[in-house]
N, C-alpha and C. Protein backbone atom coordinates (compact mmCIF):
# COMPACT_ATOMS: atom_id res chain seq x y z
N MET A 1 1.09 -1.08 0.23
CA MET A 1 -0.45 -0.08 0.08
C MET A 1 1.35 1.03 -0.36
N GLY A 2 1.70 1.26 0.25
CA GLY A 2 2.81 2.50 0.57
C GLY A 2 3.61 2.69 -0.76
N LYS A 3 3.76 1.71 -1.76
CA LYS A 3 4.46 1.64 -2.66
C LYS A 3 2.95 2.64 -4.26
N PHE A 4 2.45 2.47 -3.71
CA PHE A 4 0.87 3.04 -4.40
C PHE A 4 0.69 4.39 -4.16
N TRP A 5 1.26 4.49 -2.79
CA TRP A 5 1.35 6.36 -2.30
C TRP A 5 2.28 6.62 -2.92
N LEU A 6 2.87 6.33 -2.93
CA LEU A 6 4.53 7.13 -3.64
C LEU A 6 4.53 7.10 -4.89
N VAL A 7 3.70 6.00 -5.61
CA VAL A 7 3.08 6.58 -7.47
C VAL A 7 2.90 7.51 -7.05
N ILE A 8 2.29 7.77 -6.88
CA ILE A 8 1.00 9.08 -6.98
C ILE A 8 1.49 9.83 -6.68
N ILE A 9 2.36 10.41 -5.47
CA ILE A 9 2.71 11.33 -5.15
C ILE A 9 4.02 11.65 -6.46
N MET A 10 4.01 10.75 -6.85
CA MET A 10 5.51 11.23 -7.92
C MET A 10 4.50 11.55 -9.30
N PHE A 11 3.66 10.55 -9.30
CA PHE A 11 2.95 11.23 -10.46
C PHE A 11 2.14 12.53 -9.93
N ILE A 12 1.91 13.46 -9.13
CA ILE A 12 1.52 14.35 -8.89
C ILE A 12 2.47 15.48 -8.68
N LEU A 13 4.24 14.85 -8.10
CA LEU A 13 5.30 15.71 -8.10
C LEU A 13 5.80 16.58 -9.78
N ILE A 14 5.03 15.02 -10.95
CA ILE A 14 5.79 15.48 -12.06
C ILE A 14 4.16 16.29 -13.10
N GLY A 15 3.11 16.05 -12.71
CA GLY A 15 2.48 17.04 -13.42
C GLY A 15 2.90 17.87 -12.64
N ILE A 16 2.90 18.49 -11.04
CA ILE A 16 3.18 19.66 -11.22
C ILE A 16 4.25 20.45 -12.10
N GLY A 17 5.46 19.88 -12.11
CA GLY A 17 6.33 19.96 -12.36
C GLY A 17 6.53 19.76 -13.93
N GLY A 18 5.82 19.57 -14.50
CA GLY A 18 5.64 19.79 -16.28
C GLY A 18 4.60 20.84 -16.66
N GLY A 19 3.79 21.63 -15.55
CA GLY A 19 3.36 22.50 -16.13
C GLY A 19 3.59 23.91 -15.70
N ALA A 20 4.56 23.24 -14.22
CA ALA A 20 5.64 24.62 -14.07
C ALA A 20 6.79 25.02 -15.30
N ILE A 21 7.37 23.67 -16.13
CA ILE A 21 7.94 23.90 -16.73
C ILE A 21 7.20 24.47 -18.00
N TYR A 22 6.03 24.55 -18.41
CA TYR A 22 5.60 24.88 -19.60
C TYR A 22 5.14 26.37 -19.30
N LEU A 23 4.24 26.63 -18.41
CA LEU A 23 4.92 27.91 -17.99
C LEU A 23 5.35 28.85 -18.11
N MET A 24 6.62 28.45 -17.41
CA MET A 24 7.64 29.44 -17.92
C MET A 24 8.20 28.94 -19.22
N SER A 25 8.03 28.10 -19.98
CA SER A 25 8.89 28.29 -21.35
C SER A 25 7.36 28.21 -22.50
N VAL A 26 6.54 28.76 -22.11
CA VAL A 26 5.61 29.12 -22.70
C VAL A 26 5.28 30.53 -23.76
N ASP A 27 5.54 31.60 -24.29
CA ASP A 27 4.91 32.66 -24.52
C ASP A 27 3.46 33.64 -25.13
N ILE A 28 2.66 33.11 -23.87
CA ILE A 28 0.95 33.22 -24.27
C ILE A 28 0.55 35.00 -24.26
N GLU A 29 0.96 35.49 -24.95
CA GLU A 29 0.50 37.06 -25.60
C GLU A 29 -0.51 36.78 -24.40
N PRO A 30 -1.08 38.64 -24.36
CA PRO A 30 -2.12 38.87 -23.12
C PRO A 30 -2.95 39.49 -24.45
N PRO A 31 -4.29 39.42 -23.95
CA PRO A 31 -5.46 40.02 -24.63
C PRO A 31 -4.85 41.63 -25.31
N ARG A 32 -5.93 41.99 -26.61
CA ARG A 32 -4.78 43.00 -26.86
C ARG A 32 -6.82 43.45 -27.08
N GLU A 33 -7.53 44.25 -26.45
CA GLU A 33 -8.60 44.72 -27.07
C GLU A 33 -8.31 46.56 -25.95
N HIS A 34 -8.69 47.58 -26.34
CA HIS A 34 -9.44 48.60 -26.14
C HIS A 34 -9.99 48.85 -24.94
N VAL A 35 -9.24 49.44 -23.77
CA VAL A 35 -11.32 49.50 -22.94
C VAL A 35 -11.20 50.89 -22.32
N GLU A 36 -12.02 51.20 -23.03
CA GLU A 36 -12.12 52.70 -22.37
C GLU A 36 -13.57 52.88 -20.97
N LYS A 37 -13.84 54.11 -20.28
CA LYS A 37 -14.67 53.80 -19.13
C LYS A 37 -14.96 55.49 -18.84
N THR A 38 -15.91 56.09 -19.03
CA THR A 38 -15.68 57.60 -18.29
C THR A 38 -16.01 57.22 -16.78
N LEU A 39 -15.27 57.28 -15.78
CA LEU A 39 -15.88 58.27 -14.37
C LEU A 39 -17.12 59.63 -14.57
N PRO A 40 -17.81 59.01 -13.26
CA PRO A 40 -18.53 60.22 -13.44
C PRO A 40 -18.32 61.16 -12.55
N ASP A 41 -17.92 62.96 -12.56
CA ASP A 41 -16.74 63.71 -11.86
C ASP A 41 -17.37 63.51 -10.34
N ASP A 42 -18.88 62.82 -9.73
CA ASP A 42 -18.81 62.99 -8.64
C ASP A 42 -17.68 62.85 -7.86
N LYS A 43 -16.91 61.44 -8.10
CA LYS A 43 -16.29 60.65 -7.25
C LYS A 43 -15.24 61.94 -7.36
N PHE A 44 -14.54 62.71 -7.44
CA PHE A 44 -13.40 63.11 -7.45
C PHE A 44 -13.93 64.40 -6.68
N PRO A 45 -13.16 64.41 -5.83
CA PRO A 45 -13.48 65.78 -4.64
C PRO A 45 -12.84 66.92 -5.89
N GLN A 46 -13.41 68.17 -5.22
CA GLN A 46 -13.61 69.91 -5.74
C GLN A 46 -12.23 70.09 -5.53
């Protein structure tokens, strides 16, 4: 039973490591959309 949990933990660690390597090596483009928001004058002190 101990070997079973050791194998499960190893798979989890390998998955986390692989995901971390993937995120560090892939160039993910940020979303490019223009955001324009009008703020009312009431929110700013005079």
